[in-house]
């Protein structure tokens, strides 16, 4: 896979950067409603994983807070993956995971843990 430069201001990580490079942009980004849905799904996933005992409450709450901020549209500029990706949604899903994982420590006392859903 090799080294990869991710912009220092980006909340996304290597997987999103690879998607940007691998799927040339058409100029069409993910619709606001789709990014909102991703945030709401990640919020629900954190709640479900906490209820199952697989995610500690402080982490779940921090993930939920970050996911709601994504759903509210505060970070739409952090979703650069082109709408015409491979079709499976992996790139947009990883984009959401990376953004939420970057935001989560900022919402938690557990700042040293970077958990990706």
PDB file of N, CA and C in Angstrom:
ATOM      1  N   UNK A   1       0.833  -1.180   0.000  1.00  0.00           N
ATOM      2  CA  UNK A   1       0.000   0.000   0.000  1.00  0.00           C
ATOM      3  C   UNK A   1       0.883   1.251   0.000  1.00  0.00           C
ATOM      4  N   UNK A   2       1.971   1.240   0.720  1.00  0.00           N
ATOM      5  CA  UNK A   2       2.924   2.343   0.667  1.00  0.00           C
ATOM      6  C   UNK A   2       2.512   3.564   1.451  1.00  0.00           C
ATOM      7  N   UNK A   3       3.444   4.500   1.548  1.00  0.00           N
ATOM      8  CA  UNK A   3       3.157   5.746   2.273  1.00  0.00           C
ATOM      9  C   UNK A   3       2.092   6.567   1.561  1.00  0.00           C
ATOM     10  N   UNK A   4       1.410   7.352   2.347  1.00  0.00           N
ATOM     11  CA  UNK A   4       0.304   8.138   1.817  1.00  0.00           C
ATOM     12  C   UNK A   4       0.218   9.457   2.570  1.00  0.00           C
ATOM     13  N   UNK A   5       0.121  10.540   1.856  1.00  0.00           N
ATOM     14  CA  UNK A   5      -0.022  11.856   2.476  1.00  0.00           C
ATOM     15  C   UNK A   5      -1.498  12.207   2.592  1.00  0.00           C
ATOM     16  N   UNK A   6      -1.899  12.530   3.808  1.00  0.00           N
ATOM     17  CA  UNK A   6      -3.255  12.997   4.084  1.00  0.00           C
ATOM     18  C   UNK A   6      -3.124  14.456   4.516  1.00  0.00           C
ATOM     19  N   UNK A   7      -3.943  15.347   3.977  1.00  0.00           N
ATOM     20  CA  UNK A   7      -3.847  16.753   4.377  1.00  0.00           C
ATOM     21  C   UNK A   7      -3.918  16.906   5.900  1.00  0.00           C
ATOM     22  N   UNK A   8      -3.088  17.783   6.446  1.00  0.00           N
ATOM     23  CA  UNK A   8      -3.027  17.951   7.902  1.00  0.00           C
ATOM     24  C   UNK A   8      -4.332  18.482   8.486  1.00  0.00           C
ATOM     25  N   UNK A   9      -5.131  19.158   7.688  1.00  0.00           N
ATOM     26  CA  UNK A   9      -6.408  19.694   8.183  1.00  0.00           C
ATOM     27  C   UNK A   9      -7.559  18.699   8.038  1.00  0.00           C
ATOM     28  N   UNK A  10      -7.286  17.569   7.419  1.00  0.00           N
ATOM     29  CA  UNK A  10      -8.342  16.578   7.178  1.00  0.00           C
ATOM     30  C   UNK A  10      -8.671  15.800   8.443  1.00  0.00           C
ATOM     31  N   UNK A  11      -9.954  15.527   8.629  1.00  0.00           N
ATOM     32  CA  UNK A  11     -10.396  14.649   9.706  1.00  0.00           C
ATOM     33  C   UNK A  11     -10.453  13.204   9.219  1.00  0.00           C
ATOM     34  N   UNK A  12     -10.359  12.996   7.911  1.00  0.00           N
ATOM     35  CA  UNK A  12     -10.351  11.644   7.369  1.00  0.00           C
ATOM     36  C   UNK A  12      -8.941  11.077   7.447  1.00  0.00           C
ATOM     37  N   UNK A  13      -8.820   9.796   7.137  1.00  0.00           N
ATOM     38  CA  UNK A  13      -7.536   9.115   7.210  1.00  0.00           C
ATOM     39  C   UNK A  13      -7.123   8.495   5.892  1.00  0.00           C
ATOM     40  N   UNK A  14      -6.269   7.493   5.992  1.00  0.00           N
ATOM     41  CA  UNK A  14      -5.648   6.873   4.824  1.00  0.00           C
ATOM     42  C   UNK A  14      -6.651   6.220   3.877  1.00  0.00           C
ATOM     43  N   UNK A  15      -7.660   5.555   4.400  1.00  0.00           N
ATOM     44  CA  UNK A  15      -8.605   4.865   3.519  1.00  0.00           C
ATOM     45  C   UNK A  15      -9.392   5.851   2.658  1.00  0.00           C
ATOM     46  N   UNK A  16      -9.792   6.957   3.253  1.00  0.00           N
ATOM     47  CA  UNK A  16     -10.504   7.981   2.492  1.00  0.00           C
ATOM     48  C   UNK A  16      -9.570   8.607   1.466  1.00  0.00           C
ATOM     49  N   UNK A  17      -8.332   8.853   1.862  1.00  0.00           N
ATOM     50  CA  UNK A  17      -7.374   9.439   0.930  1.00  0.00           C
ATOM     51  C   UNK A  17      -7.137   8.504  -0.257  1.00  0.00           C
ATOM     52  N   UNK A  18      -7.069   7.212   0.009  1.00  0.00           N
ATOM     53  CA  UNK A  18      -6.918   6.243  -1.085  1.00  0.00           C
ATOM     54  C   UNK A  18      -8.141   6.274  -2.016  1.00  0.00           C
ATOM     55  N   UNK A  19      -9.314   6.407  -1.444  1.00  0.00           N
ATOM     56  CA  UNK A  19     -10.531   6.470  -2.265  1.00  0.00           C
ATOM     57  C   UNK A  19     -10.507   7.698  -3.165  1.00  0.00           C
ATOM     58  N   UNK A  20     -10.044   8.817  -2.629  1.00  0.00           N
ATOM     59  CA  UNK A  20      -9.947  10.043  -3.427  1.00  0.00           C
ATOM     60  C   UNK A  20      -9.017   9.804  -4.617  1.00  0.00           C
ATOM     61  N   UNK A  21      -7.927   9.120  -4.356  1.00  0.00           N
ATOM     62  CA  UNK A  21      -6.943   8.875  -5.417  1.00  0.00           C
ATOM     63  C   UNK A  21      -7.401   7.787  -6.395  1.00  0.00           C
ATOM     64  N   UNK A  22      -8.104   6.775  -5.889  1.00  0.00           N
ATOM     65  CA  UNK A  22      -8.497   5.639  -6.728  1.00  0.00           C
ATOM     66  C   UNK A  22      -9.751   5.879  -7.553  1.00  0.00           C
ATOM     67  N   UNK A  23     -10.601   6.757  -7.101  1.00  0.00           N
ATOM     68  CA  UNK A  23     -11.846   7.033  -7.805  1.00  0.00           C
ATOM     69  C   UNK A  23     -11.837   8.502  -8.214  1.00  0.00           C
ATOM     70  N   UNK A  24     -11.368   8.777  -9.418  1.00  0.00           N
ATOM     71  CA  UNK A  24     -11.257  10.176  -9.848  1.00  0.00           C
ATOM     72  C   UNK A  24     -12.573  10.923  -9.658  1.00  0.00           C
ATOM     73  N   UNK A  25     -12.472  12.126  -9.128  1.00  0.00           N
ATOM     74  CA  UNK A  25     -13.697  12.875  -8.817  1.00  0.00           C
ATOM     75  C   UNK A  25     -14.460  13.329 -10.060  1.00  0.00           C
ATOM     76  N   UNK A  26     -15.757  13.184  -9.950  1.00  0.00           N
ATOM     77  CA  UNK A  26     -16.657  13.683 -10.990  1.00  0.00           C
ATOM     78  C   UNK A  26     -17.067  15.113 -10.653  1.00  0.00           C
ATOM     79  N   UNK A  27     -16.713  15.526  -9.429  1.00  0.00           N
ATOM     80  CA  UNK A  27     -17.158  16.830  -8.956  1.00  0.00           C
ATOM     81  C   UNK A  27     -18.440  16.726  -8.155  1.00  0.00           C
ATOM     82  N   UNK A  28     -18.969  15.503  -8.042  1.00  0.00           N
ATOM     83  CA  UNK A  28     -20.203  15.287  -7.283  1.00  0.00           C
ATOM     84  C   UNK A  28     -19.870  14.603  -5.965  1.00  0.00           C
ATOM     85  N   UNK A  29     -20.133  15.295  -4.891  1.00  0.00           N
ATOM     86  CA  UNK A  29     -19.877  14.756  -3.556  1.00  0.00           C
ATOM     87  C   UNK A  29     -21.116  14.025  -3.049  1.00  0.00           C
ATOM     88  N   UNK A  30     -20.955  13.345  -1.939  1.00  0.00           N
ATOM     89  CA  UNK A  30     -22.079  12.647  -1.322  1.00  0.00           C
ATOM     90  C   UNK A  30     -23.156  13.665  -0.947  1.00  0.00           C
ATOM     91  N   UNK A  31     -24.419  13.348  -1.206  1.00  0.00           N
ATOM     92  CA  UNK A  31     -25.497  14.274  -0.828  1.00  0.00           C
ATOM     93  C   UNK A  31     -25.576  14.455   0.685  1.00  0.00           C
ATOM     94  N   UNK A  32     -26.029  15.605   1.099  1.00  0.00           N
ATOM     95  CA  UNK A  32     -26.187  15.936   2.529  1.00  0.00           C
ATOM     96  C   UNK A  32     -27.022  14.874   3.231  1.00  0.00           C
ATOM     97  N   UNK A  33     -28.086  14.410   2.588  1.00  0.00           N
ATOM     98  CA  UNK A  33     -28.965  13.422   3.210  1.00  0.00           C
ATOM     99  C   UNK A  33     -28.237  12.097   3.447  1.00  0.00           C
ATOM    100  N   UNK A  34     -27.310  11.748   2.564  1.00  0.00           N
ATOM    101  CA  UNK A  34     -26.547  10.514   2.723  1.00  0.00           C
ATOM    102  C   UNK A  34     -25.570  10.639   3.892  1.00  0.00           C
ATOM    103  N   UNK A  35     -24.881  11.769   3.986  1.00  0.00           N
ATOM    104  CA  UNK A  35     -23.950  11.982   5.109  1.00  0.00           C
ATOM    105  C   UNK A  35     -24.725  11.993   6.417  1.00  0.00           C
ATOM    106  N   UNK A  36     -25.900  12.601   6.414  1.00  0.00           N
ATOM    107  CA  UNK A  36     -26.747  12.589   7.618  1.00  0.00           C
ATOM    108  C   UNK A  36     -27.090  11.154   8.014  1.00  0.00           C
ATOM    109  N   UNK A  37     -27.477  10.349   7.031  1.00  0.00           N
ATOM    110  CA  UNK A  37     -27.822   8.948   7.309  1.00  0.00           C
ATOM    111  C   UNK A  37     -26.625   8.186   7.873  1.00  0.00           C
ATOM    112  N   UNK A  38     -25.437   8.415   7.323  1.00  0.00           N
ATOM    113  CA  UNK A  38     -24.243   7.755   7.856  1.00  0.00           C
ATOM    114  C   UNK A  38     -24.039   8.112   9.325  1.00  0.00           C
ATOM    115  N   UNK A  39     -24.178   9.386   9.657  1.00  0.00           N
ATOM    116  CA  UNK A  39     -24.015   9.816  11.048  1.00  0.00           C
ATOM    117  C   UNK A  39     -25.035   9.161  11.971  1.00  0.00           C
ATOM    118  N   UNK A  40     -26.275   9.084  11.524  1.00  0.00           N
ATOM    119  CA  UNK A  40     -27.330   8.470  12.349  1.00  0.00           C
ATOM    120  C   UNK A  40     -27.107   6.967  12.517  1.00  0.00           C
ATOM    121  N   UNK A  41     -26.627   6.311  11.467  1.00  0.00           N
ATOM    122  CA  UNK A  41     -26.327   4.870  11.561  1.00  0.00           C
ATOM    123  C   UNK A  41     -25.189   4.634  12.548  1.00  0.00           C
ATOM    124  N   UNK A  42     -24.144   5.456  12.476  1.00  0.00           N
ATOM    125  CA  UNK A  42     -23.005   5.303  13.395  1.00  0.00           C
ATOM    126  C   UNK A  42     -23.434   5.584  14.840  1.00  0.00           C
ATOM    127  N   UNK A  43     -24.333   6.539  15.015  1.00  0.00           N
ATOM    128  CA  UNK A  43     -24.867   6.838  16.348  1.00  0.00           C
ATOM    129  C   UNK A  43     -25.597   5.607  16.900  1.00  0.00           C
ATOM    130  N   UNK A  44     -26.459   5.035  16.081  1.00  0.00           N
ATOM    131  CA  UNK A  44     -27.222   3.849  16.502  1.00  0.00           C
ATOM    132  C   UNK A  44     -26.304   2.656  16.748  1.00  0.00           C
ATOM    133  N   UNK A  45     -25.279   2.500  15.923  1.00  0.00           N
ATOM    134  CA  UNK A  45     -24.344   1.386  16.104  1.00  0.00           C
ATOM    135  C   UNK A  45     -23.604   1.494  17.430  1.00  0.00           C
ATOM    136  N   UNK A  46     -23.214   2.708  17.800  1.00  0.00           N
ATOM    137  CA  UNK A  46     -22.533   2.905  19.081  1.00  0.00           C
ATOM    138  C   UNK A  46     -23.465   2.546  20.241  1.00  0.00           C
ATOM    139  N   UNK A  47     -24.723   2.953  20.147  1.00  0.00           N
ATOM    140  CA  UNK A  47     -25.698   2.620  21.198  1.00  0.00           C
ATOM    141  C   UNK A  47     -25.898   1.113  21.293  1.00  0.00           C
ATOM    142  N   UNK A  48     -26.063   0.455  20.156  1.00  0.00           N
ATOM    143  CA  UNK A  48     -26.282  -0.994  20.145  1.00  0.00           C
ATOM    144  C   UNK A  48     -25.075  -1.738  20.693  1.00  0.00           C
ATOM    145  N   UNK A  49     -23.886  -1.321  20.303  1.00  0.00           N
ATOM    146  CA  UNK A  49     -22.683  -2.000  20.786  1.00  0.00           C
ATOM    147  C   UNK A  49     -22.466  -1.774  22.272  1.00  0.00           C
ATOM    148  N   UNK A  50     -22.880  -0.612  22.770  1.00  0.00           N
ATOM    149  CA  UNK A  50     -22.817  -0.391  24.220  1.00  0.00           C
ATOM    150  C   UNK A  50     -23.815  -1.298  24.935  1.00  0.00           C
ATOM    151  N   UNK A  51     -25.036  -1.364  24.433  1.00  0.00           N
ATOM    152  CA  UNK A  51     -26.061  -2.216  25.042  1.00  0.00           C
ATOM    153  C   UNK A  51     -25.639  -3.683  25.070  1.00  0.00           C
ATOM    154  N   UNK A  52     -24.886  -4.104  24.069  1.00  0.00           N
ATOM    155  CA  UNK A  52     -24.402  -5.490  24.009  1.00  0.00           C
ATOM    156  C   UNK A  52     -23.196  -5.720  24.905  1.00  0.00           C
ATOM    157  N   UNK A  53     -22.667  -4.647  25.482  1.00  0.00           N
ATOM    158  CA  UNK A  53     -21.509  -4.765  26.348  1.00  0.00           C
ATOM    159  C   UNK A  53     -20.184  -4.751  25.603  1.00  0.00           C
ATOM    160  N   UNK A  54     -20.225  -4.402  24.333  1.00  0.00           N
ATOM    161  CA  UNK A  54     -19.013  -4.417  23.518  1.00  0.00           C
ATOM    162  C   UNK A  54     -18.313  -3.063  23.419  1.00  0.00           C
ATOM    163  N   UNK A  55     -18.937  -2.021  23.948  1.00  0.00           N
ATOM    164  CA  UNK A  55     -18.361  -0.688  23.879  1.00  0.00           C
ATOM    165  C   UNK A  55     -18.599   0.003  25.214  1.00  0.00           C
ATOM    166  N   UNK A  56     -17.533   0.412  25.908  1.00  0.00           N
ATOM    167  CA  UNK A  56     -17.708   1.086  27.201  1.00  0.00           C
ATOM    168  C   UNK A  56     -18.523   2.372  27.047  1.00  0.00           C
ATOM    169  N   UNK A  57     -19.281   2.697  28.065  1.00  0.00           N
ATOM    170  CA  UNK A  57     -20.171   3.856  27.994  1.00  0.00           C
ATOM    171  C   UNK A  57     -19.462   5.156  27.615  1.00  0.00           C
ATOM    172  N   UNK A  58     -18.303   5.487  28.195  1.00  0.00           N
ATOM    173  CA  UNK A  58     -17.673   6.758  27.800  1.00  0.00           C
ATOM    174  C   UNK A  58     -17.321   6.812  26.314  1.00  0.00           C
ATOM    175  N   UNK A  59     -16.876   5.688  25.775  1.00  0.00           N
ATOM    176  CA  UNK A  59     -16.538   5.637  24.352  1.00  0.00           C
ATOM    177  C   UNK A  59     -17.820   5.729  23.519  1.00  0.00           C
ATOM    178  N   UNK A  60     -18.840   4.982  23.912  1.00  0.00           N
ATOM    179  CA  UNK A  60     -20.112   5.007  23.177  1.00  0.00           C
ATOM    180  C   UNK A  60     -20.691   6.416  23.139  1.00  0.00           C
ATOM    181  N   UNK A  61     -20.677   7.096  24.270  1.00  0.00           N
ATOM    182  CA  UNK A  61     -21.222   8.456  24.320  1.00  0.00           C
ATOM    183  C   UNK A  61     -20.420   9.419  23.452  1.00  0.00           C
ATOM    184  N   UNK A  62     -19.108   9.260  23.447  1.00  0.00           N
ATOM    185  CA  UNK A  62     -18.264  10.120  22.627  1.00  0.00           C
ATOM    186  C   UNK A  62     -18.482   9.848  21.137  1.00  0.00           C
ATOM    187  N   UNK A  63     -18.597   8.580  20.771  1.00  0.00           N
ATOM    188  CA  UNK A  63     -18.875   8.232  19.373  1.00  0.00           C
ATOM    189  C   UNK A  63     -20.240   8.788  18.983  1.00  0.00           C
ATOM    190  N   UNK A  64     -21.226   8.633  19.845  1.00  0.00           N
ATOM    191  CA  UNK A  64     -22.565   9.137  19.545  1.00  0.00           C
ATOM    192  C   UNK A  64     -22.550  10.656  19.360  1.00  0.00           C
ATOM    193  N   UNK A  65     -21.824  11.361  20.204  1.00  0.00           N
ATOM    194  CA  UNK A  65     -21.758  12.824  20.088  1.00  0.00           C
ATOM    195  C   UNK A  65     -21.119  13.221  18.759  1.00  0.00           C
ATOM    196  N   UNK A  66     -20.020  12.563  18.410  1.00  0.00           N
ATOM    197  CA  UNK A  66     -19.346  12.865  17.142  1.00  0.00           C
ATOM    198  C   UNK A  66     -20.236  12.505  15.961  1.00  0.00           C
ATOM    199  N   UNK A  67     -20.916  11.370  16.041  1.00  0.00           N
ATOM    200  CA  UNK A  67     -21.793  10.930  14.952  1.00  0.00           C
ATOM    201  C   UNK A  67     -22.956  11.907  14.747  1.00  0.00           C
ATOM    202  N   UNK A  68     -23.497  12.434  15.839  1.00  0.00           N
ATOM    203  CA  UNK A  68     -24.578  13.420  15.711  1.00  0.00           C
ATOM    204  C   UNK A  68     -24.090  14.706  15.060  1.00  0.00           C
ATOM    205  N   UNK A  69     -22.863  15.097  15.372  1.00  0.00           N
ATOM    206  CA  UNK A  69     -22.300  16.286  14.731  1.00  0.00           C
ATOM    207  C   UNK A  69     -22.160  16.067  13.223  1.00  0.00           C
ATOM    208  N   UNK A  70     -21.770  14.855  12.842  1.00  0.00           N
ATOM    209  CA  UNK A  70     -21.709  14.519  11.422  1.00  0.00           C
ATOM    210  C   UNK A  70     -23.108  14.571  10.823  1.00  0.00           C
ATOM    211  N   UNK A  71     -24.072  13.977  11.505  1.00  0.00           N
ATOM    212  CA  UNK A  71     -25.454  13.962  11.011  1.00  0.00           C
ATOM    213  C   UNK A  71     -26.017  15.377  10.862  1.00  0.00           C
ATOM    214  N   UNK A  72     -25.611  16.276  11.755  1.00  0.00           N
ATOM    215  CA  UNK A  72     -26.095  17.656  11.711  1.00  0.00           C
ATOM    216  C   UNK A  72     -25.474  18.472  10.585  1.00  0.00           C
ATOM    217  N   UNK A  73     -24.423  17.945   9.954  1.00  0.00           N
ATOM    218  CA  UNK A  73     -23.811  18.647   8.834  1.00  0.00           C
ATOM    219  C   UNK A  73     -22.618  19.512   9.179  1.00  0.00           C
ATOM    220  N   UNK A  74     -22.119  19.395  10.403  1.00  0.00           N
ATOM    221  CA  UNK A  74     -21.000  20.236  10.820  1.00  0.00           C
ATOM    222  C   UNK A  74     -19.694  19.913  10.094  1.00  0.00           C
ATOM    223  N   UNK A  75     -19.606  18.718   9.533  1.00  0.00           N
ATOM    224  CA  UNK A  75     -18.350  18.279   8.914  1.00  0.00           C
ATOM    225  C   UNK A  75     -18.543  17.786   7.482  1.00  0.00           C
ATOM    226  N   UNK A  76     -19.505  18.317   6.793  1.00  0.00           N
ATOM    227  CA  UNK A  76     -19.745  17.882   5.412  1.00  0.00           C
ATOM    228  C   UNK A  76     -18.508  18.062   4.531  1.00  0.00           C
ATOM    229  N   UNK A  77     -17.707  19.065   4.836  1.00  0.00           N
ATOM    230  CA  UNK A  77     -16.495  19.299   4.039  1.00  0.00           C
ATOM    231  C   UNK A  77     -15.450  18.207   4.246  1.00  0.00           C
ATOM    232  N   UNK A  78     -15.669  17.326   5.219  1.00  0.00           N
ATOM    233  CA  UNK A  78     -14.743  16.231   5.498  1.00  0.00           C
ATOM    234  C   UNK A  78     -15.167  14.936   4.799  1.00  0.00           C
ATOM    235  N   UNK A  79     -16.092  15.046   3.875  1.00  0.00           N
ATOM    236  CA  UNK A  79     -16.570  13.891   3.106  1.00  0.00           C
ATOM    237  C   UNK A  79     -16.288  14.127   1.621  1.00  0.00           C
ATOM    238  N   UNK A  80     -15.013  13.951   1.232  1.00  0.00           N
ATOM    239  CA  UNK A  80     -14.606  14.249  -0.137  1.00  0.00           C
ATOM    240  C   UNK A  80     -14.791  13.098  -1.129  1.00  0.00           C
ATOM    241  N   UNK A  81     -15.201  11.942  -0.632  1.00  0.00           N
ATOM    242  CA  UNK A  81     -15.329  10.776  -1.517  1.00  0.00           C
ATOM    243  C   UNK A  81     -16.380  11.056  -2.580  1.00  0.00           C
ATOM    244  N   UNK A  82     -16.009  10.769  -3.810  1.00  0.00           N
ATOM    245  CA  UNK A  82     -16.886  11.013  -4.945  1.00  0.00           C
ATOM    246  C   UNK A  82     -18.123  10.120  -4.866  1.00  0.00           C
ATOM    247  N   UNK A  83     -19.240  10.639  -5.316  1.00  0.00           N
ATOM    248  CA  UNK A  83     -20.485   9.882  -5.296  1.00  0.00           C
ATOM    249  C   UNK A  83     -20.386   8.635  -6.186  1.00  0.00           C
ATOM    250  N   UNK A  84     -19.540   8.709  -7.216  1.00  0.00           N
ATOM    251  CA  UNK A  84     -19.365   7.571  -8.115  1.00  0.00           C
ATOM    252  C   UNK A  84     -18.155   6.743  -7.690  1.00  0.00           C
ATOM    253  N   UNK A  85     -18.283   6.085  -6.550  1.00  0.00           N
ATOM    254  CA  UNK A  85     -17.236   5.174  -6.099  1.00  0.00           C
ATOM    255  C   UNK A  85     -17.579   3.786  -6.625  1.00  0.00           C
ATOM    256  N   UNK A  86     -16.990   2.764  -6.093  1.00  0.00           N
ATOM    257  CA  UNK A  86     -17.161   1.432  -6.671  1.00  0.00           C
ATOM    258  C   UNK A  86     -18.569   0.872  -6.545  1.00  0.00           C
ATOM    259  N   UNK A  87     -19.392   1.409  -5.698  1.00  0.00           N
ATOM    260  CA  UNK A  87     -20.765   0.942  -5.599  1.00  0.00           C
ATOM    261  C   UNK A  87     -21.096   0.211  -4.321  1.00  0.00           C
ATOM    262  N   UNK A  88     -20.090  -0.316  -3.636  1.00  0.00           N
ATOM    263  CA  UNK A  88     -20.366  -1.074  -2.419  1.00  0.00           C
ATOM    264  C   UNK A  88     -20.524  -0.164  -1.205  1.00  0.00           C
ATOM    265  N   UNK A  89     -20.048   1.052  -1.302  1.00  0.00           N
ATOM    266  CA  UNK A  89     -20.173   1.983  -0.185  1.00  0.00           C
ATOM    267  C   UNK A  89     -19.037   1.912   0.805  1.00  0.00           C
ATOM    268  N   UNK A  90     -18.045   1.069   0.556  1.00  0.00           N
ATOM    269  CA  UNK A  90     -16.933   0.921   1.494  1.00  0.00           C
ATOM    270  C   UNK A  90     -16.214   2.241   1.712  1.00  0.00           C
ATOM    271  N   UNK A  91     -15.967   2.972   0.651  1.00  0.00           N
ATOM    272  CA  UNK A  91     -15.216   4.226   0.775  1.00  0.00           C
ATOM    273  C   UNK A  91     -15.970   5.255   1.611  1.00  0.00           C
ATOM    274  N   UNK A  92     -17.261   5.403   1.380  1.00  0.00           N
ATOM    275  CA  UNK A  92     -18.023   6.385   2.156  1.00  0.00           C
ATOM    276  C   UNK A  92     -18.187   5.925   3.605  1.00  0.00           C
ATOM    277  N   UNK A  93     -18.327   4.623   3.815  1.00  0.00           N
ATOM    278  CA  UNK A  93     -18.426   4.095   5.174  1.00  0.00           C
ATOM    279  C   UNK A  93     -17.122   4.339   5.939  1.00  0.00           C
ATOM    280  N   UNK A  94     -15.988   4.053   5.294  1.00  0.00           N
ATOM    281  CA  UNK A  94     -14.700   4.293   5.952  1.00  0.00           C
ATOM    282  C   UNK A  94     -14.468   5.776   6.172  1.00  0.00           C
ATOM    283  N   UNK A  95     -14.911   6.607   5.247  1.00  0.00           N
ATOM    284  CA  UNK A  95     -14.804   8.050   5.417  1.00  0.00           C
ATOM    285  C   UNK A  95     -15.518   8.460   6.709  1.00  0.00           C
ATOM    286  N   UNK A  96     -16.736   7.961   6.900  1.00  0.00           N
ATOM    287  CA  UNK A  96     -17.488   8.281   8.126  1.00  0.00           C
ATOM    288  C   UNK A  96     -16.773   7.745   9.355  1.00  0.00           C
ATOM    289  N   UNK A  97     -16.282   6.503   9.283  1.00  0.00           N
ATOM    290  CA  UNK A  97     -15.565   5.924  10.428  1.00  0.00           C
ATOM    291  C   UNK A  97     -14.356   6.770  10.804  1.00  0.00           C
ATOM    292  N   UNK A  98     -13.588   7.173   9.798  1.00  0.00           N
ATOM    293  CA  UNK A  98     -12.369   7.930  10.078  1.00  0.00           C
ATOM    294  C   UNK A  98     -12.673   9.308  10.660  1.00  0.00           C
ATOM    295  N   UNK A  99     -13.677   9.987  10.121  1.00  0.00           N
ATOM    296  CA  UNK A  99     -14.033  11.305  10.646  1.00  0.00           C
ATOM    297  C   UNK A  99     -14.527  11.180  12.091  1.00  0.00           C
ATOM    298  N   UNK A 100     -15.412  10.240  12.338  1.00  0.00           N
ATOM    299  CA  UNK A 100     -15.949  10.061  13.697  1.00  0.00           C
ATOM    300  C   UNK A 100     -14.844   9.616  14.659  1.00  0.00           C
ATOM    301  N   UNK A 101     -13.958   8.738  14.205  1.00  0.00           N
ATOM    302  CA  UNK A 101     -12.851   8.285  15.047  1.00  0.00           C
ATOM    303  C   UNK A 101     -11.900   9.426  15.388  1.00  0.00           C
ATOM    304  N   UNK A 102     -11.743  10.364  14.482  1.00  0.00           N
ATOM    305  CA  UNK A 102     -10.893  11.528  14.747  1.00  0.00           C
ATOM    306  C   UNK A 102     -11.579  12.492  15.704  1.00  0.00           C
ATOM    307  N   UNK A 103     -12.881  12.660  15.554  1.00  0.00           N
ATOM    308  CA  UNK A 103     -13.635  13.560  16.428  1.00  0.00           C
ATOM    309  C   UNK A 103     -13.844  12.976  17.818  1.00  0.00           C
ATOM    310  N   UNK A 104     -13.985  11.666  17.927  1.00  0.00           N
ATOM    311  CA  UNK A 104     -14.360  11.021  19.172  1.00  0.00           C
ATOM    312  C   UNK A 104     -13.454  11.366  20.346  1.00  0.00           C
ATOM    313  N   UNK A 105     -12.131  11.333  20.198  1.00  0.00           N
ATOM    314  CA  UNK A 105     -11.309  11.688  21.356  1.00  0.00           C
ATOM    315  C   UNK A 105     -11.531  13.120  21.827  1.00  0.00           C
ATOM    316  N   UNK A 106     -11.959  13.988  20.925  1.00  0.00           N
ATOM    317  CA  UNK A 106     -12.238  15.373  21.293  1.00  0.00           C
ATOM    318  C   UNK A 106     -13.514  15.470  22.118  1.00  0.00           C
ATOM    319  N   UNK A 107     -14.323  14.438  22.096  1.00  0.00           N
ATOM    320  CA  UNK A 107     -15.601  14.427  22.808  1.00  0.00           C
ATOM    321  C   UNK A 107     -15.539  13.569  24.065  1.00  0.00           C
ATOM    322  N   UNK A 108     -14.368  13.096  24.426  1.00  0.00           N
ATOM    323  CA  UNK A 108     -14.256  12.117  25.486  1.00  0.00           C
ATOM    324  C   UNK A 108     -13.099  12.413  26.410  1.00  0.00           C
ATOM    325  N   UNK A 109     -13.216  11.910  27.623  1.00  0.00           N
ATOM    326  CA  UNK A 109     -12.098  11.971  28.558  1.00  0.00           C
ATOM    327  C   UNK A 109     -11.040  10.938  28.181  1.00  0.00           C
ATOM    328  N   UNK A 110     -11.423   9.984  27.347  1.00  0.00           N
ATOM    329  CA  UNK A 110     -10.518   8.918  26.905  1.00  0.00           C
ATOM    330  C   UNK A 110      -9.792   9.371  25.654  1.00  0.00           C
ATOM    331  N   UNK A 111      -9.091  10.463  25.724  1.00  0.00           N
ATOM    332  CA  UNK A 111      -8.475  11.075  24.544  1.00  0.00           C
ATOM    333  C   UNK A 111      -7.390  10.211  23.897  1.00  0.00           C
ATOM    334  N   UNK A 112      -6.834   9.280  24.630  1.00  0.00           N
ATOM    335  CA  UNK A 112      -5.731   8.506  24.073  1.00  0.00           C
ATOM    336  C   UNK A 112      -6.213   7.320  23.228  1.00  0.00           C
ATOM    337  N   UNK A 113      -7.494   7.009  23.277  1.00  0.00           N
ATOM    338  CA  UNK A 113      -8.026   5.869  22.529  1.00  0.00           C
ATOM    339  C   UNK A 113      -8.657   6.362  21.250  1.00  0.00           C
ATOM    340  N   UNK A 114      -8.277   5.761  20.129  1.00  0.00           N
ATOM    341  CA  UNK A 114      -8.896   6.104  18.838  1.00  0.00           C
ATOM    342  C   UNK A 114      -9.560   4.837  18.317  1.00  0.00           C
ATOM    343  N   UNK A 115     -10.808   4.641  18.699  1.00  0.00           N
ATOM    344  CA  UNK A 115     -11.544   3.448  18.331  1.00  0.00           C
ATOM    345  C   UNK A 115     -12.301   3.697  17.044  1.00  0.00           C
ATOM    346  N   UNK A 116     -12.137   2.796  16.073  1.00  0.00           N
ATOM    347  CA  UNK A 116     -12.889   2.880  14.828  1.00  0.00           C
ATOM    348  C   UNK A 116     -13.968   1.835  14.858  1.00  0.00           C
ATOM    349  N   UNK A 117     -15.200   2.265  14.589  1.00  0.00           N
ATOM    350  CA  UNK A 117     -16.324   1.332  14.578  1.00  0.00           C
ATOM    351  C   UNK A 117     -16.196   0.373  13.428  1.00  0.00           C
TER     352      UNK A 117
END
